[in-house]
């Protein structure tokens, strides 16, 4: 779905999974500073929007999600996962309940498979699941923003800012009064700085929540059964995850950033060393320079210099081994 905001001055379209919104509006670092200062807005209207309504919506979702949502207060933001039977991450949902409906935004293009799964689990519960992507656009306002928001707008407020579920036909009028637009590349740069994993970037077909530090934020350890819970409990109580998320400072003299999937090796092992992980997201940050998130094997020494492809990298711990 192509955003109408791509017609704004300076807009350069994003590619890949973020196609449909602007990568940037002509000045990547200024846009990053804008977000960090609490000004501007980010067009996330390419993300999927799923709504769950009905009397049993919270108790029903509580059975399916990794998060404790049976008593979710109205207006309180949370996030949750849906796991496979083996505990691997399949979906990430960013939720808020408005008193009648649970609203969630999800990764672009994932709403169809999510809804198919939810529909298959309805049974006798009094719930309705709807794809509202065509009707509502997600817009992000950074923490500290004083942009005015209509009282009837569904808002998901987090420490990083507010996610708005705007009626899609109001997106352009909102943009005219919300300040300078900020592209998805600036949003991603701050996401990496904040060590926040993203489905499809920091995850692959075998990622479990512990590897990304999602226990607590997206996985509640004291709730009832859900698909994949056995793996979560076993790793939490008896073992360690096979991999861990790290933050990388990359050699700033390199012209090109190592892309998603670039192999990581121990610098001391040379170019033919064994693979010990891979880059998940790399960005150019307005203060930190080139940085990245990556997944490495749990037993990689915490202070070991790494090489991402041909780029030297120093690691900071995100998830303890």
Protein backbone atom coordinates (compact mmCIF):
# COMPACT_ATOMS: atom_id res chain seq x y z
CA UNK A 1 0.00 0.00 0.00
CA UNK A 2 1.59 3.23 -1.19
CA UNK A 3 1.39 6.12 1.27
CA UNK A 4 0.07 9.47 -0.02
CA UNK A 5 2.84 11.09 2.00
CA UNK A 6 5.34 9.93 -0.63
CA UNK A 7 4.20 13.05 -2.51
CA UNK A 8 5.70 15.31 0.19
CA UNK A 9 8.77 17.36 -0.83
CA UNK A 10 12.02 15.39 -0.73
CA UNK A 11 10.40 11.99 -0.12
CA UNK A 12 12.53 9.05 -1.27
CA UNK A 13 10.66 5.72 -1.27
CA UNK A 14 11.83 2.91 0.98
CA UNK A 15 12.60 -0.51 -0.43
CA UNK A 16 12.11 -4.09 0.68
CA UNK A 17 9.68 -4.83 3.49
CA UNK A 18 9.23 -1.10 4.16
CA UNK A 19 8.20 -0.33 0.60
CA UNK A 20 5.24 2.03 0.49
CA UNK A 21 6.51 4.73 2.84
CA UNK A 22 9.43 7.16 2.71
CA UNK A 23 12.96 6.02 3.50
CA UNK A 24 13.86 9.65 4.14
CA UNK A 25 12.95 13.20 3.14
CA UNK A 26 16.38 14.38 2.06
CA UNK A 27 18.35 14.69 5.32
CA UNK A 28 18.77 11.44 7.25
CA UNK A 29 20.74 12.81 10.19
CA UNK A 30 18.51 15.86 10.65
CA UNK A 31 15.53 13.51 10.71
CA UNK A 32 17.21 11.36 13.37
CA UNK A 33 17.93 14.41 15.50
CA UNK A 34 14.32 15.48 15.09
CA UNK A 35 13.08 12.18 16.51
CA UNK A 36 15.63 12.28 19.33
CA UNK A 37 14.47 15.81 20.20
CA UNK A 38 10.79 14.78 20.24
CA UNK A 39 9.69 16.54 17.07
CA UNK A 40 8.31 15.39 13.74
CA UNK A 41 6.40 12.22 12.92
CA UNK A 42 7.05 8.91 11.17
CA UNK A 43 4.71 7.50 8.53
CA UNK A 44 4.27 3.79 9.35
CA UNK A 45 1.13 3.41 7.26
CA UNK A 46 2.55 0.34 5.52
CA UNK A 47 2.23 -1.71 8.72
CA UNK A 48 -0.63 -4.14 9.14
CA UNK A 49 -3.50 -3.24 11.49
CA UNK A 50 -5.54 -6.00 13.16
CA UNK A 51 -8.55 -5.40 15.42
CA UNK A 52 -10.07 -7.91 17.84
CA UNK A 53 -13.46 -7.03 19.31
CA UNK A 54 -16.09 -8.85 21.32
CA UNK A 55 -16.84 -9.65 24.94
CA UNK A 56 -14.19 -12.36 25.23
CA UNK A 57 -11.40 -10.57 23.36
CA UNK A 58 -8.97 -10.20 26.28
CA UNK A 59 -9.50 -13.62 27.85
CA UNK A 60 -9.25 -15.23 24.40
CA UNK A 61 -6.07 -13.40 23.40
CA UNK A 62 -4.62 -14.28 26.80
CA UNK A 63 -4.76 -17.96 25.77
CA UNK A 64 -2.88 -17.37 22.51
CA UNK A 65 -0.28 -14.72 23.27
CA UNK A 66 2.91 -14.78 25.30
CA UNK A 67 1.80 -11.68 27.23
CA UNK A 68 -0.60 -11.44 30.20
CA UNK A 69 -3.55 -9.54 28.71
CA UNK A 70 -6.63 -10.93 30.46
CA UNK A 71 -6.80 -7.82 32.67
CA UNK A 72 -5.17 -5.34 30.29
CA UNK A 73 -6.25 -1.83 31.37
CA UNK A 74 -7.89 0.41 28.80
CA UNK A 75 -5.27 2.54 27.07
CA UNK A 76 -2.24 0.64 28.39
CA UNK A 77 0.22 -0.37 25.68
CA UNK A 78 1.83 -3.79 25.61
CA UNK A 79 3.52 -6.10 23.16
CA UNK A 80 3.20 -9.83 22.67
CA UNK A 81 4.36 -12.72 20.53
CA UNK A 82 2.79 -15.74 18.93
CA UNK A 83 5.13 -18.71 18.99
CA UNK A 84 5.28 -21.98 17.12
CA UNK A 85 4.79 -25.26 18.97
CA UNK A 86 8.59 -25.38 19.33
CA UNK A 87 8.77 -21.90 20.83
CA UNK A 88 10.05 -20.05 17.76
CA UNK A 89 8.78 -16.51 17.15
CA UNK A 90 6.13 -16.34 14.40
CA UNK A 91 4.38 -13.01 15.02
CA UNK A 92 4.98 -9.83 17.02
CA UNK A 93 1.98 -7.70 18.00
CA UNK A 94 2.01 -4.16 19.41
CA UNK A 95 -1.25 -3.82 21.32
CA UNK A 96 -3.63 -1.44 23.03
CA UNK A 97 -7.25 -1.91 24.14
CA UNK A 98 -9.69 1.00 23.82
CA UNK A 99 -12.40 -0.55 25.99
CA UNK A 100 -14.22 -2.22 23.11
CA UNK A 101 -11.50 -3.38 20.73
CA UNK A 102 -7.90 -4.55 20.97
CA UNK A 103 -5.88 -2.80 18.28
CA UNK A 104 -2.56 -4.21 17.09
CA UNK A 105 -0.07 -3.16 14.50
CA UNK A 106 2.18 -5.80 12.98
CA UNK A 107 4.94 -6.12 10.40
CA UNK A 108 3.96 -5.22 6.84
CA UNK A 109 2.38 -8.14 5.01
CA UNK A 110 2.11 -10.41 8.06
CA UNK A 111 -1.51 -9.59 8.91
CA UNK A 112 -3.02 -12.21 6.59
CA UNK A 113 -1.25 -15.18 8.15
CA UNK A 114 -1.83 -13.77 11.64
CA UNK A 115 -5.56 -13.39 11.02
CA UNK A 116 -5.78 -16.87 9.52
CA UNK A 117 -4.26 -18.30 12.70
CA UNK A 118 -6.52 -16.23 14.96
CA UNK A 119 -9.61 -17.25 13.00
CA UNK A 120 -8.65 -20.92 13.36
CA UNK A 121 -8.57 -20.52 17.15
CA UNK A 122 -11.91 -18.76 17.70
CA UNK A 123 -13.97 -21.87 18.56
CA UNK A 124 -16.88 -20.80 20.79
CA UNK A 125 -15.36 -17.52 22.00
CA UNK A 126 -17.30 -14.29 21.46
CA UNK A 127 -14.72 -12.47 19.38
CA UNK A 128 -14.44 -10.88 15.96
CA UNK A 129 -11.12 -10.53 14.15
CA UNK A 130 -10.75 -7.93 11.39
CA UNK A 131 -8.04 -6.69 9.05
CA UNK A 132 -8.26 -2.89 9.34
CA UNK A 133 -5.13 -2.10 7.32
CA UNK A 134 -7.15 -0.52 4.52
CA UNK A 135 -8.97 1.72 6.98
CA UNK A 136 -6.30 2.77 9.49
CA UNK A 137 -2.74 4.06 9.15
CA UNK A 138 -0.11 3.84 11.88
CA UNK A 139 1.81 7.03 12.61
CA UNK A 140 4.57 7.36 15.21
CA UNK A 141 5.15 10.46 17.34
CA UNK A 142 8.44 10.44 19.28
CA UNK A 143 8.63 10.74 23.06
CA UNK A 144 8.25 14.38 24.05
CA UNK A 145 6.17 15.31 21.01
CA UNK A 146 3.57 18.01 21.63
CA UNK A 147 1.71 17.34 18.38
CA UNK A 148 -2.04 17.53 18.92
CA UNK A 149 -4.00 14.30 18.56
CA UNK A 150 -7.77 14.06 18.28
CA UNK A 151 -9.45 12.66 21.40
CA UNK A 152 -11.14 9.90 19.43
CA UNK A 153 -7.82 8.58 18.04
CA UNK A 154 -6.65 5.21 19.35
CA UNK A 155 -3.21 5.84 20.86
CA UNK A 156 -0.60 3.36 21.97
CA UNK A 157 1.79 5.23 24.30
CA UNK A 158 5.21 3.76 25.12
CA UNK A 159 8.49 5.09 26.55
CA UNK A 160 9.66 5.58 22.96
CA UNK A 161 6.66 7.62 21.86
CA UNK A 162 3.06 7.31 20.70
CA UNK A 163 1.73 5.04 17.97
CA UNK A 164 -1.46 6.45 16.50
CA UNK A 165 -4.12 4.44 14.65
CA UNK A 166 -5.40 7.17 12.33
CA UNK A 167 -8.31 6.77 9.94
CA UNK A 168 -6.45 6.45 6.66
CA UNK A 169 -8.39 9.25 4.99
CA UNK A 170 -7.07 11.69 7.64
CA UNK A 171 -3.38 10.87 7.12
CA UNK A 172 -2.63 13.78 4.82
CA UNK A 173 -4.48 16.36 6.91
CA UNK A 174 -2.69 15.12 10.04
CA UNK A 175 0.67 15.41 8.29
CA UNK A 176 0.04 19.05 7.42
CA UNK A 177 -0.14 20.02 11.10
CA UNK A 178 2.14 17.43 12.76
CA UNK A 179 5.50 18.97 11.95
CA UNK A 180 8.33 17.75 9.76
CA UNK A 181 8.03 14.23 8.35
CA UNK A 182 10.71 11.70 9.28
CA UNK A 183 11.59 8.67 7.18
CA UNK A 184 11.73 5.02 8.19
CA UNK A 185 15.57 5.01 8.05
CA UNK A 186 15.76 7.52 10.91
CA UNK A 187 13.17 5.53 12.88
CA UNK A 188 15.25 2.37 12.32
CA UNK A 189 18.46 4.09 13.42
CA UNK A 190 16.92 4.97 16.78
CA UNK A 191 15.42 1.49 17.07
CA UNK A 192 18.89 -0.02 16.70
CA UNK A 193 20.34 2.45 19.21
CA UNK A 194 17.63 1.39 21.68
CA UNK A 195 18.36 -2.32 21.08
CA UNK A 196 14.76 -3.03 20.07
CA UNK A 197 14.46 -6.18 17.93
CA UNK A 198 12.16 -6.33 14.91
CA UNK A 199 10.42 -9.38 13.48
CA UNK A 200 12.05 -10.50 10.25
CA UNK A 201 15.22 -8.54 10.96
CA UNK A 202 16.46 -9.81 14.32
CA UNK A 203 14.50 -13.06 13.91
CA UNK A 204 14.79 -16.08 11.67
CA UNK A 205 12.92 -19.40 11.56
CA UNK A 206 14.50 -20.62 14.81
CA UNK A 207 14.61 -17.51 17.01
CA UNK A 208 13.30 -17.92 20.55
CA UNK A 209 12.35 -14.95 22.80
CA UNK A 210 15.30 -15.33 25.20
CA UNK A 211 17.82 -14.65 22.43
CA UNK A 212 16.42 -11.16 21.90
CA UNK A 213 15.82 -10.16 25.51
CA UNK A 214 12.04 -10.28 25.14
CA UNK A 215 11.34 -12.04 28.43
CA UNK A 216 9.33 -9.54 30.46
CA UNK A 217 8.65 -7.00 27.73
CA UNK A 218 6.78 -9.37 25.41
CA UNK A 219 6.75 -12.67 27.32
CA UNK A 220 5.12 -13.04 30.73
CA UNK A 221 6.50 -15.95 32.74
CA UNK A 222 3.65 -16.24 35.25
CA UNK A 223 0.63 -16.68 32.96
CA UNK A 224 -1.25 -19.76 31.78
CA UNK A 225 -0.49 -22.05 28.89
CA UNK A 226 0.04 -20.90 25.32
CA UNK A 227 1.61 -22.50 22.28
CA UNK A 228 5.38 -22.71 22.71
CA UNK A 229 5.32 -22.13 26.47
CA UNK A 230 7.14 -25.40 27.19
CA UNK A 231 10.23 -24.17 25.33
CA UNK A 232 10.10 -20.78 27.06
CA UNK A 233 9.87 -22.39 30.51
CA UNK A 234 12.56 -24.99 29.80
CA UNK A 235 15.11 -22.45 28.60
CA UNK A 236 14.25 -20.04 31.42
CA UNK A 237 14.53 -22.65 34.16
CA UNK A 238 17.01 -25.22 32.92
CA UNK A 239 19.24 -23.80 30.24
CA UNK A 240 20.48 -20.92 28.14
CA UNK A 241 19.48 -19.79 24.64
CA UNK A 242 21.88 -20.86 21.86
CA UNK A 243 22.34 -17.28 20.61
CA UNK A 244 22.24 -13.75 22.01
CA UNK A 245 21.57 -10.27 20.65
CA UNK A 246 24.53 -7.86 20.60
CA UNK A 247 25.05 -4.22 19.61
CA UNK A 248 27.95 -3.55 17.26
CA UNK A 249 30.08 -0.47 16.68
CA UNK A 250 31.29 -0.76 13.10
CA UNK A 251 34.47 0.57 11.50
CA UNK A 252 33.51 4.05 10.31
CA UNK A 253 36.07 4.11 7.49
CA UNK A 254 34.05 1.63 5.44
CA UNK A 255 31.85 3.15 2.72
CA UNK A 256 29.23 0.39 2.75
CA UNK A 257 27.38 -1.03 5.73
CA UNK A 258 27.27 -4.82 6.13
CA UNK A 259 23.78 -5.91 5.10
CA UNK A 260 21.31 -8.18 6.81
CA UNK A 261 22.73 -11.70 7.02
CA UNK A 262 26.38 -10.68 6.74
CA UNK A 263 28.45 -13.34 8.51
CA UNK A 264 30.31 -12.51 11.70
CA UNK A 265 33.66 -14.05 12.61
CA UNK A 266 36.15 -13.59 15.42
CA UNK A 267 38.70 -11.04 14.23
CA UNK A 268 41.54 -13.21 15.50
CA UNK A 269 40.47 -16.16 13.34
CA UNK A 270 41.14 -14.39 10.06
CA UNK A 271 39.04 -14.38 6.87
CA UNK A 272 38.61 -18.15 6.91
CA UNK A 273 37.39 -18.31 10.50
CA UNK A 274 34.18 -20.06 11.41
CA UNK A 275 30.87 -18.19 11.39
CA UNK A 276 29.81 -17.17 14.90
CA UNK A 277 26.76 -15.08 14.02
CA UNK A 278 25.28 -12.62 11.54
CA UNK A 279 24.30 -8.97 11.23
CA UNK A 280 20.55 -8.37 11.56
CA UNK A 281 20.20 -4.59 11.07
CA UNK A 282 22.91 -2.01 10.31
CA UNK A 283 22.40 1.77 10.26
CA UNK A 284 24.25 5.07 10.25
CA UNK A 285 23.47 6.87 13.50
CA UNK A 286 23.70 10.65 13.81
CA UNK A 287 25.88 10.44 16.95
CA UNK A 288 27.26 6.90 17.14
CA UNK A 289 28.23 6.50 13.50
CA UNK A 290 27.78 3.10 11.82
CA UNK A 291 26.23 0.62 14.25
CA UNK A 292 24.29 -2.62 14.04
CA UNK A 293 22.39 -5.30 15.86
CA UNK A 294 23.51 -8.88 15.43
CA UNK A 295 22.92 -12.41 16.69
CA UNK A 296 25.97 -14.33 17.88
CA UNK A 297 26.52 -17.70 19.48
CA UNK A 298 26.07 -17.58 23.23
CA UNK A 299 29.64 -18.62 24.03
CA UNK A 300 31.33 -15.85 22.00
CA UNK A 301 33.55 -13.95 24.48
CA UNK A 302 31.98 -10.64 25.50
CA UNK A 303 35.09 -8.61 24.71
CA UNK A 304 36.14 -10.39 21.53
CA UNK A 305 36.70 -8.13 18.47
CA UNK A 306 34.56 -9.27 15.55
CA UNK A 307 34.53 -8.89 11.79
CA UNK A 308 31.27 -8.42 9.85
CA UNK A 309 32.21 -9.48 6.35
CA UNK A 310 35.25 -7.24 5.87
CA UNK A 311 34.21 -4.64 8.45
CA UNK A 312 35.74 -4.57 11.93
CA UNK A 313 33.20 -4.54 14.74
CA UNK A 314 33.29 -4.10 18.51
CA UNK A 315 30.43 -5.59 20.48
CA UNK A 316 28.33 -4.39 23.40
CA UNK A 317 26.24 -6.86 25.37
CA UNK A 318 22.46 -6.65 24.96
CA UNK A 319 21.50 -10.16 26.13
CA UNK A 320 23.75 -11.71 28.77
CA UNK A 321 25.25 -15.10 27.85
